[in-house]
């Protein structure tokens, strides 16, 4: 990447593009992410044709959520159309790598480390909501009239409810925990299904099992019940909560 500062040939920000958080280990009683935090290590590479003095070189990390919504039933030209826009900072961090120092000609690599807590929301993007995390380098040469140089890279945080050992195939035969869903139609039919607590919709299917039976209050002499069909609905819901008193 060609840069405007004389002598500075290129800059490159290098770090993992994806950070994974997994579900708790089976022996853990509390539901928490594993690990509880991740340390992301990276480096900033500078290529220079001559020694250059820098006032400051900083690494910053920032995560935010942005909500943009408008009433889809209203015309785009409507004056009174309902709109909603909100922005919230999830995480801010910065560290100074260089301050009032001269770096030699050639290739210089500056290492850094960012700690990401497990409570951060996963990266997400939909027509209404975006959760994004960016790692940025701010480079300010000390030369007269020098402009600050920005280099950025997105870091995607991926989270799963499945334990890490299961994800990597170290626990054969693992079964997702189930929750019982029961129901009853008086005097005719009762049912109970064991439904997985979480599924991967990318597979295109959901597997579960259950039983149908007559209620215990119905005598065996009662007529048999014919089940015409069983319907299963999978509904995806997105909940957006905001604090109107939050100044950010």
C-alpha atoms as a PDB file:
ATOM      1  CA  UNK A   1       0.000   0.000   0.000  1.00  0.00           C
ATOM      2  CA  UNK A   2       1.554   3.274  -1.140  1.00  0.00           C
ATOM      3  CA  UNK A   3       1.464   6.032   1.469  1.00  0.00           C
ATOM      4  CA  UNK A   4       1.719   9.793   1.326  1.00  0.00           C
ATOM      5  CA  UNK A   5       4.489  10.070   3.936  1.00  0.00           C
ATOM      6  CA  UNK A   6       7.875  10.249   2.243  1.00  0.00           C
ATOM      7  CA  UNK A   7       9.991   7.217   3.020  1.00  0.00           C
ATOM      8  CA  UNK A   8       7.114   5.112   4.346  1.00  0.00           C
ATOM      9  CA  UNK A   9       6.527   2.521   1.640  1.00  0.00           C
ATOM     10  CA  UNK A  10       3.833   0.292   3.145  1.00  0.00           C
ATOM     11  CA  UNK A  11       2.019  -0.669   6.339  1.00  0.00           C
ATOM     12  CA  UNK A  12       0.284  -3.921   7.208  1.00  0.00           C
ATOM     13  CA  UNK A  13      -1.882  -4.835  10.188  1.00  0.00           C
ATOM     14  CA  UNK A  14      -1.767  -8.560  10.882  1.00  0.00           C
ATOM     15  CA  UNK A  15      -3.948 -10.418  13.409  1.00  0.00           C
ATOM     16  CA  UNK A  16      -6.479 -13.300  13.500  1.00  0.00           C
ATOM     17  CA  UNK A  17      -9.613 -12.468  11.535  1.00  0.00           C
ATOM     18  CA  UNK A  18     -11.844 -14.753  13.622  1.00  0.00           C
ATOM     19  CA  UNK A  19     -11.994 -15.343  17.384  1.00  0.00           C
ATOM     20  CA  UNK A  20     -13.986 -18.318  18.719  1.00  0.00           C
ATOM     21  CA  UNK A  21     -15.799 -18.668  22.030  1.00  0.00           C
ATOM     22  CA  UNK A  22     -17.308 -22.026  22.948  1.00  0.00           C
ATOM     23  CA  UNK A  23     -19.946 -23.347  25.310  1.00  0.00           C
ATOM     24  CA  UNK A  24     -19.109 -24.423  28.883  1.00  0.00           C
ATOM     25  CA  UNK A  25     -17.485 -27.747  29.566  1.00  0.00           C
ATOM     26  CA  UNK A  26     -19.888 -30.481  30.749  1.00  0.00           C
ATOM     27  CA  UNK A  27     -18.460 -30.455  34.301  1.00  0.00           C
ATOM     28  CA  UNK A  28     -19.068 -26.713  34.710  1.00  0.00           C
ATOM     29  CA  UNK A  29     -22.165 -25.906  36.753  1.00  0.00           C
ATOM     30  CA  UNK A  30     -22.461 -22.298  35.661  1.00  0.00           C
ATOM     31  CA  UNK A  31     -23.228 -21.443  32.057  1.00  0.00           C
ATOM     32  CA  UNK A  32     -20.362 -19.347  30.793  1.00  0.00           C
ATOM     33  CA  UNK A  33     -18.228 -19.094  27.694  1.00  0.00           C
ATOM     34  CA  UNK A  34     -15.004 -21.022  27.297  1.00  0.00           C
ATOM     35  CA  UNK A  35     -12.528 -19.591  27.618  1.00  0.00           C
ATOM     36  CA  UNK A  36     -13.735 -16.685  29.737  1.00  0.00           C
ATOM     37  CA  UNK A  37     -11.528 -14.362  27.704  1.00  0.00           C
ATOM     38  CA  UNK A  38      -9.330 -14.535  24.629  1.00  0.00           C
ATOM     39  CA  UNK A  39      -5.980 -12.854  24.062  1.00  0.00           C
ATOM     40  CA  UNK A  40      -5.589 -11.804  20.436  1.00  0.00           C
ATOM     41  CA  UNK A  41      -1.994 -11.230  19.372  1.00  0.00           C
ATOM     42  CA  UNK A  42      -0.986  -9.355  16.247  1.00  0.00           C
ATOM     43  CA  UNK A  43       1.658  -7.136  14.737  1.00  0.00           C
ATOM     44  CA  UNK A  44       1.954  -3.926  12.777  1.00  0.00           C
ATOM     45  CA  UNK A  45       4.516  -4.105   9.981  1.00  0.00           C
ATOM     46  CA  UNK A  46       6.122  -0.920   8.620  1.00  0.00           C
ATOM     47  CA  UNK A  47       8.267  -0.868   5.477  1.00  0.00           C
ATOM     48  CA  UNK A  48      10.487   2.243   5.185  1.00  0.00           C
ATOM     49  CA  UNK A  49      13.122   3.329   2.714  1.00  0.00           C
ATOM     50  CA  UNK A  50      14.821   5.551   5.300  1.00  0.00           C
ATOM     51  CA  UNK A  51      14.712   6.189   9.053  1.00  0.00           C
ATOM     52  CA  UNK A  52      11.516   8.012  10.064  1.00  0.00           C
ATOM     53  CA  UNK A  53      10.617   9.688  13.330  1.00  0.00           C
ATOM     54  CA  UNK A  54       7.096   9.152  14.631  1.00  0.00           C
ATOM     55  CA  UNK A  55       5.193  11.230  17.148  1.00  0.00           C
ATOM     56  CA  UNK A  56       2.902   8.329  17.975  1.00  0.00           C
ATOM     57  CA  UNK A  57       1.843   4.877  16.796  1.00  0.00           C
ATOM     58  CA  UNK A  58      -1.298   3.526  18.476  1.00  0.00           C
ATOM     59  CA  UNK A  59      -3.373   0.363  18.268  1.00  0.00           C
ATOM     60  CA  UNK A  60      -7.062   0.722  19.046  1.00  0.00           C
ATOM     61  CA  UNK A  61      -9.859  -1.799  19.320  1.00  0.00           C
ATOM     62  CA  UNK A  62     -13.509  -0.833  19.195  1.00  0.00           C
ATOM     63  CA  UNK A  63     -16.720  -2.812  19.125  1.00  0.00           C
ATOM     64  CA  UNK A  64     -20.153  -1.340  18.519  1.00  0.00           C
ATOM     65  CA  UNK A  65     -23.744  -2.236  17.770  1.00  0.00           C
ATOM     66  CA  UNK A  66     -25.830  -0.183  15.366  1.00  0.00           C
ATOM     67  CA  UNK A  67     -29.583  -0.438  14.937  1.00  0.00           C
ATOM     68  CA  UNK A  68     -31.302   1.121  11.924  1.00  0.00           C
ATOM     69  CA  UNK A  69     -35.012   0.495  11.407  1.00  0.00           C
ATOM     70  CA  UNK A  70     -37.900   2.126   9.567  1.00  0.00           C
ATOM     71  CA  UNK A  71     -41.528   1.120   9.244  1.00  0.00           C
ATOM     72  CA  UNK A  72     -41.619  -1.086   6.118  1.00  0.00           C
ATOM     73  CA  UNK A  73     -45.330  -0.379   5.647  1.00  0.00           C
ATOM     74  CA  UNK A  74     -44.740   3.326   5.045  1.00  0.00           C
ATOM     75  CA  UNK A  75     -43.551   4.935   1.846  1.00  0.00           C
ATOM     76  CA  UNK A  76     -39.905   6.017   1.713  1.00  0.00           C
ATOM     77  CA  UNK A  77     -41.151   9.533   0.957  1.00  0.00           C
ATOM     78  CA  UNK A  78     -43.571   9.690   3.881  1.00  0.00           C
ATOM     79  CA  UNK A  79     -42.822  12.599   6.222  1.00  0.00           C
ATOM     80  CA  UNK A  80     -44.119  10.880   9.348  1.00  0.00           C
ATOM     81  CA  UNK A  81     -42.571   7.485   8.747  1.00  0.00           C
ATOM     82  CA  UNK A  82     -41.480   5.715  11.945  1.00  0.00           C
ATOM     83  CA  UNK A  83     -37.704   5.435  12.204  1.00  0.00           C
ATOM     84  CA  UNK A  84     -35.306   4.149  14.817  1.00  0.00           C
ATOM     85  CA  UNK A  85     -31.553   4.596  14.975  1.00  0.00           C
ATOM     86  CA  UNK A  86     -29.273   3.670  17.854  1.00  0.00           C
ATOM     87  CA  UNK A  87     -25.540   3.222  18.374  1.00  0.00           C
ATOM     88  CA  UNK A  88     -23.853   1.632  21.390  1.00  0.00           C
ATOM     89  CA  UNK A  89     -20.159   1.134  22.099  1.00  0.00           C
ATOM     90  CA  UNK A  90     -19.504  -2.393  23.351  1.00  0.00           C
ATOM     91  CA  UNK A  91     -15.755  -2.286  23.926  1.00  0.00           C
ATOM     92  CA  UNK A  92     -12.951   0.296  23.671  1.00  0.00           C
ATOM     93  CA  UNK A  93      -9.257  -0.273  24.150  1.00  0.00           C
ATOM     94  CA  UNK A  94      -6.013   1.387  23.076  1.00  0.00           C
ATOM     95  CA  UNK A  95      -2.283   1.055  23.570  1.00  0.00           C
ATOM     96  CA  UNK A  96       0.703   3.101  22.425  1.00  0.00           C
ATOM     97  CA  UNK A  97       3.408   1.187  20.566  1.00  0.00           C
ATOM     98  CA  UNK A  98       5.738   4.077  19.716  1.00  0.00           C
ATOM     99  CA  UNK A  99       5.990   7.621  21.066  1.00  0.00           C
ATOM    100  CA  UNK A 100       8.546  10.201  19.901  1.00  0.00           C
ATOM    101  CA  UNK A 101      10.884   7.585  18.470  1.00  0.00           C
ATOM    102  CA  UNK A 102      12.801   7.035  15.228  1.00  0.00           C
ATOM    103  CA  UNK A 103      12.428   3.707  13.452  1.00  0.00           C
ATOM    104  CA  UNK A 104      15.196   2.453  11.127  1.00  0.00           C
ATOM    105  CA  UNK A 105      14.971   1.853   7.391  1.00  0.00           C
ATOM    106  CA  UNK A 106      13.753  -1.551   6.297  1.00  0.00           C
ATOM    107  CA  UNK A 107      11.012  -3.681   7.826  1.00  0.00           C
ATOM    108  CA  UNK A 108       9.929  -3.020  11.416  1.00  0.00           C
ATOM    109  CA  UNK A 109       7.375  -5.219  13.186  1.00  0.00           C
ATOM    110  CA  UNK A 110       5.603  -4.014  16.329  1.00  0.00           C
ATOM    111  CA  UNK A 111       3.731  -6.632  18.357  1.00  0.00           C
ATOM    112  CA  UNK A 112       0.613  -6.080  20.472  1.00  0.00           C
ATOM    113  CA  UNK A 113      -2.003  -8.029  22.432  1.00  0.00           C
ATOM    114  CA  UNK A 114      -5.737  -7.373  22.878  1.00  0.00           C
ATOM    115  CA  UNK A 115      -7.892  -9.064  25.547  1.00  0.00           C
ATOM    116  CA  UNK A 116     -11.469  -9.887  24.506  1.00  0.00           C
ATOM    117  CA  UNK A 117     -13.843 -10.887  27.345  1.00  0.00           C
ATOM    118  CA  UNK A 118     -16.270 -13.719  26.740  1.00  0.00           C
ATOM    119  CA  UNK A 119     -19.338 -11.601  27.493  1.00  0.00           C
ATOM    120  CA  UNK A 120     -18.986  -9.650  24.240  1.00  0.00           C
ATOM    121  CA  UNK A 121     -21.781 -10.185  21.738  1.00  0.00           C
ATOM    122  CA  UNK A 122     -21.007 -12.253  18.669  1.00  0.00           C
ATOM    123  CA  UNK A 123     -20.455 -10.445  15.374  1.00  0.00           C
ATOM    124  CA  UNK A 124     -23.762 -10.108  13.575  1.00  0.00           C
ATOM    125  CA  UNK A 125     -25.293  -8.443  10.554  1.00  0.00           C
ATOM    126  CA  UNK A 126     -28.912  -8.249   9.424  1.00  0.00           C
ATOM    127  CA  UNK A 127     -31.030  -5.685   7.552  1.00  0.00           C
ATOM    128  CA  UNK A 128     -31.655  -3.898  10.874  1.00  0.00           C
ATOM    129  CA  UNK A 129     -28.739  -4.609  13.197  1.00  0.00           C
ATOM    130  CA  UNK A 130     -24.961  -4.761  12.911  1.00  0.00           C
ATOM    131  CA  UNK A 131     -22.483  -5.818  15.599  1.00  0.00           C
ATOM    132  CA  UNK A 132     -18.933  -5.180  14.473  1.00  0.00           C
ATOM    133  CA  UNK A 133     -15.443  -5.182  15.989  1.00  0.00           C
ATOM    134  CA  UNK A 134     -12.552  -3.291  14.405  1.00  0.00           C
ATOM    135  CA  UNK A 135      -8.837  -3.247  15.120  1.00  0.00           C
ATOM    136  CA  UNK A 136      -7.161  -0.017  13.992  1.00  0.00           C
ATOM    137  CA  UNK A 137      -3.634   1.348  13.801  1.00  0.00           C
ATOM    138  CA  UNK A 138      -3.057   5.116  13.981  1.00  0.00           C
ATOM    139  CA  UNK A 139       0.350   6.243  12.702  1.00  0.00           C
ATOM    140  CA  UNK A 140       1.462   9.871  13.045  1.00  0.00           C
ATOM    141  CA  UNK A 141       4.904  10.794  11.619  1.00  0.00           C
ATOM    142  CA  UNK A 142       6.606  13.819  13.166  1.00  0.00           C
ATOM    143  CA  UNK A 143       7.379  15.426   9.809  1.00  0.00           C
ATOM    144  CA  UNK A 144       5.904  18.858   9.218  1.00  0.00           C
ATOM    145  CA  UNK A 145       2.411  18.750   7.673  1.00  0.00           C
ATOM    146  CA  UNK A 146       2.382  14.943   7.984  1.00  0.00           C
ATOM    147  CA  UNK A 147      -1.075  13.395   8.045  1.00  0.00           C
ATOM    148  CA  UNK A 148      -2.181  10.639  10.369  1.00  0.00           C
ATOM    149  CA  UNK A 149      -2.297   7.240   8.662  1.00  0.00           C
ATOM    150  CA  UNK A 150      -5.061   4.764   9.496  1.00  0.00           C
ATOM    151  CA  UNK A 151      -4.961   1.003   8.929  1.00  0.00           C
ATOM    152  CA  UNK A 152      -7.874  -1.184  10.023  1.00  0.00           C
ATOM    153  CA  UNK A 153      -8.991  -4.794  10.059  1.00  0.00           C
ATOM    154  CA  UNK A 154     -12.271  -6.350  11.171  1.00  0.00           C
ATOM    155  CA  UNK A 155     -12.222  -9.082  13.811  1.00  0.00           C
ATOM    156  CA  UNK A 156     -15.206 -11.429  13.785  1.00  0.00           C
ATOM    157  CA  UNK A 157     -16.260 -12.902  17.116  1.00  0.00           C
ATOM    158  CA  UNK A 158     -18.009 -16.263  16.710  1.00  0.00           C
ATOM    159  CA  UNK A 159     -19.772 -17.929  19.634  1.00  0.00           C
ATOM    160  CA  UNK A 160     -21.325 -21.379  19.933  1.00  0.00           C
ATOM    161  CA  UNK A 161     -23.158 -23.215  22.717  1.00  0.00           C
ATOM    162  CA  UNK A 162     -21.260 -26.420  21.937  1.00  0.00           C
ATOM    163  CA  UNK A 163     -18.182 -27.217  24.091  1.00  0.00           C
ATOM    164  CA  UNK A 164     -14.803 -26.863  22.414  1.00  0.00           C
ATOM    165  CA  UNK A 165     -13.922 -30.556  22.786  1.00  0.00           C
ATOM    166  CA  UNK A 166     -17.126 -31.468  20.948  1.00  0.00           C
ATOM    167  CA  UNK A 167     -16.536 -28.985  18.139  1.00  0.00           C
ATOM    168  CA  UNK A 168     -13.131 -30.513  17.435  1.00  0.00           C
ATOM    169  CA  UNK A 169     -14.448 -34.090  17.581  1.00  0.00           C
ATOM    170  CA  UNK A 170     -12.683 -35.093  20.802  1.00  0.00           C
ATOM    171  CA  UNK A 171     -15.899 -36.305  22.463  1.00  0.00           C
ATOM    172  CA  UNK A 172     -17.533 -38.957  20.246  1.00  0.00           C
ATOM    173  CA  UNK A 173     -21.221 -39.603  20.729  1.00  0.00           C
ATOM    174  CA  UNK A 174     -21.960 -36.234  22.345  1.00  0.00           C
ATOM    175  CA  UNK A 175     -25.667 -35.412  22.450  1.00  0.00           C
ATOM    176  CA  UNK A 176     -27.081 -31.922  22.687  1.00  0.00           C
ATOM    177  CA  UNK A 177     -29.008 -31.421  25.966  1.00  0.00           C
ATOM    178  CA  UNK A 178     -32.750 -31.835  25.532  1.00  0.00           C
ATOM    179  CA  UNK A 179     -35.752 -30.038  26.937  1.00  0.00           C
ATOM    180  CA  UNK A 180     -39.157 -31.693  27.394  1.00  0.00           C
ATOM    181  CA  UNK A 181     -42.142 -30.129  25.639  1.00  0.00           C
ATOM    182  CA  UNK A 182     -45.476 -31.501  26.840  1.00  0.00           C
ATOM    183  CA  UNK A 183     -49.058 -30.918  25.887  1.00  0.00           C
ATOM    184  CA  UNK A 184     -52.488 -32.478  26.200  1.00  0.00           C
ATOM    185  CA  UNK A 185     -55.852 -32.382  24.529  1.00  0.00           C
ATOM    186  CA  UNK A 186     -58.404 -33.242  27.222  1.00  0.00           C
ATOM    187  CA  UNK A 187     -60.036 -36.666  27.016  1.00  0.00           C
ATOM    188  CA  UNK A 188     -58.252 -37.595  23.796  1.00  0.00           C
ATOM    189  CA  UNK A 189     -54.474 -37.238  23.514  1.00  0.00           C
ATOM    190  CA  UNK A 190     -51.296 -36.288  25.383  1.00  0.00           C
ATOM    191  CA  UNK A 191     -47.801 -35.851  23.986  1.00  0.00           C
ATOM    192  CA  UNK A 192     -44.237 -35.309  25.098  1.00  0.00           C
ATOM    193  CA  UNK A 193     -41.255 -34.477  22.860  1.00  0.00           C
ATOM    194  CA  UNK A 194     -37.572 -34.254  23.707  1.00  0.00           C
ATOM    195  CA  UNK A 195     -36.354 -31.228  21.743  1.00  0.00           C
ATOM    196  CA  UNK A 196     -32.684 -30.165  21.514  1.00  0.00           C
ATOM    197  CA  UNK A 197     -31.852 -26.945  23.328  1.00  0.00           C
ATOM    198  CA  UNK A 198     -29.946 -25.675  20.294  1.00  0.00           C
ATOM    199  CA  UNK A 199     -29.562 -26.667  16.663  1.00  0.00           C
ATOM    200  CA  UNK A 200     -27.517 -25.664  13.643  1.00  0.00           C
ATOM    201  CA  UNK A 201     -29.994 -24.411  11.070  1.00  0.00           C
ATOM    202  CA  UNK A 202     -27.337 -24.635   8.364  1.00  0.00           C
ATOM    203  CA  UNK A 203     -27.868 -28.406   8.373  1.00  0.00           C
ATOM    204  CA  UNK A 204     -31.353 -27.869   6.974  1.00  0.00           C
ATOM    205  CA  UNK A 205     -33.085 -30.219   9.422  1.00  0.00           C
ATOM    206  CA  UNK A 206     -33.877 -30.761  13.112  1.00  0.00           C
ATOM    207  CA  UNK A 207     -34.059 -34.186  14.741  1.00  0.00           C
ATOM    208  CA  UNK A 208     -36.130 -34.919  17.846  1.00  0.00           C
ATOM    209  CA  UNK A 209     -38.242 -37.749  19.232  1.00  0.00           C
ATOM    210  CA  UNK A 210     -41.315 -38.083  21.387  1.00  0.00           C
ATOM    211  CA  UNK A 211     -44.330 -40.150  22.324  1.00  0.00           C
ATOM    212  CA  UNK A 212     -48.090 -39.836  21.883  1.00  0.00           C
ATOM    213  CA  UNK A 213     -50.401 -41.402  24.440  1.00  0.00           C
ATOM    214  CA  UNK A 214     -53.868 -41.238  25.861  1.00  0.00           C
ATOM    215  CA  UNK A 215     -54.196 -39.214  29.067  1.00  0.00           C
ATOM    216  CA  UNK A 216     -54.135 -41.231  32.291  1.00  0.00           C
ATOM    217  CA  UNK A 217     -57.682 -40.078  33.037  1.00  0.00           C
ATOM    218  CA  UNK A 218     -59.020 -41.856  29.934  1.00  0.00           C
ATOM    219  CA  UNK A 219     -60.121 -45.470  30.270  1.00  0.00           C
ATOM    220  CA  UNK A 220     -58.727 -48.152  27.997  1.00  0.00           C
ATOM    221  CA  UNK A 221     -62.204 -48.821  26.674  1.00  0.00           C
ATOM    222  CA  UNK A 222     -62.286 -45.378  25.025  1.00  0.00           C
ATOM    223  CA  UNK A 223     -62.171 -45.241  21.272  1.00  0.00           C
ATOM    224  CA  UNK A 224     -58.801 -44.958  19.572  1.00  0.00           C
ATOM    225  CA  UNK A 225     -57.632 -41.505  18.524  1.00  0.00           C
ATOM    226  CA  UNK A 226     -56.560 -40.950  14.924  1.00  0.00           C
ATOM    227  CA  UNK A 227     -53.735 -38.469  14.360  1.00  0.00           C
ATOM    228  CA  UNK A 228     -54.043 -36.905  10.927  1.00  0.00           C
ATOM    229  CA  UNK A 229     -50.752 -34.988  10.985  1.00  0.00           C
ATOM    230  CA  UNK A 230     -48.131 -33.459  13.258  1.00  0.00           C
ATOM    231  CA  UNK A 231     -46.907 -29.971  12.428  1.00  0.00           C
ATOM    232  CA  UNK A 232     -43.679 -28.457  13.727  1.00  0.00           C
ATOM    233  CA  UNK A 233     -42.926 -24.741  13.461  1.00  0.00           C
ATOM    234  CA  UNK A 234     -39.446 -23.268  13.821  1.00  0.00           C
ATOM    235  CA  UNK A 235     -39.616 -19.514  14.390  1.00  0.00           C
ATOM    236  CA  UNK A 236     -36.551 -17.287  14.340  1.00  0.00           C
ATOM    237  CA  UNK A 237     -36.904 -14.213  16.526  1.00  0.00           C
ATOM    238  CA  UNK A 238     -34.619 -11.243  17.007  1.00  0.00           C
ATOM    239  CA  UNK A 239     -35.005  -9.139  20.144  1.00  0.00           C
ATOM    240  CA  UNK A 240     -33.590  -5.625  20.307  1.00  0.00           C
ATOM    241  CA  UNK A 241     -33.430  -3.952  23.705  1.00  0.00           C
ATOM    242  CA  UNK A 242     -32.260  -0.444  24.334  1.00  0.00           C
ATOM    243  CA  UNK A 243     -31.833   1.846  27.306  1.00  0.00           C
ATOM    244  CA  UNK A 244     -33.217   5.285  26.547  1.00  0.00           C
ATOM    245  CA  UNK A 245     -31.275   6.675  29.504  1.00  0.00           C
ATOM    246  CA  UNK A 246     -27.939   5.443  28.147  1.00  0.00           C
ATOM    247  CA  UNK A 247     -26.064   8.539  26.883  1.00  0.00           C
ATOM    248  CA  UNK A 248     -23.761   6.544  24.577  1.00  0.00           C
END
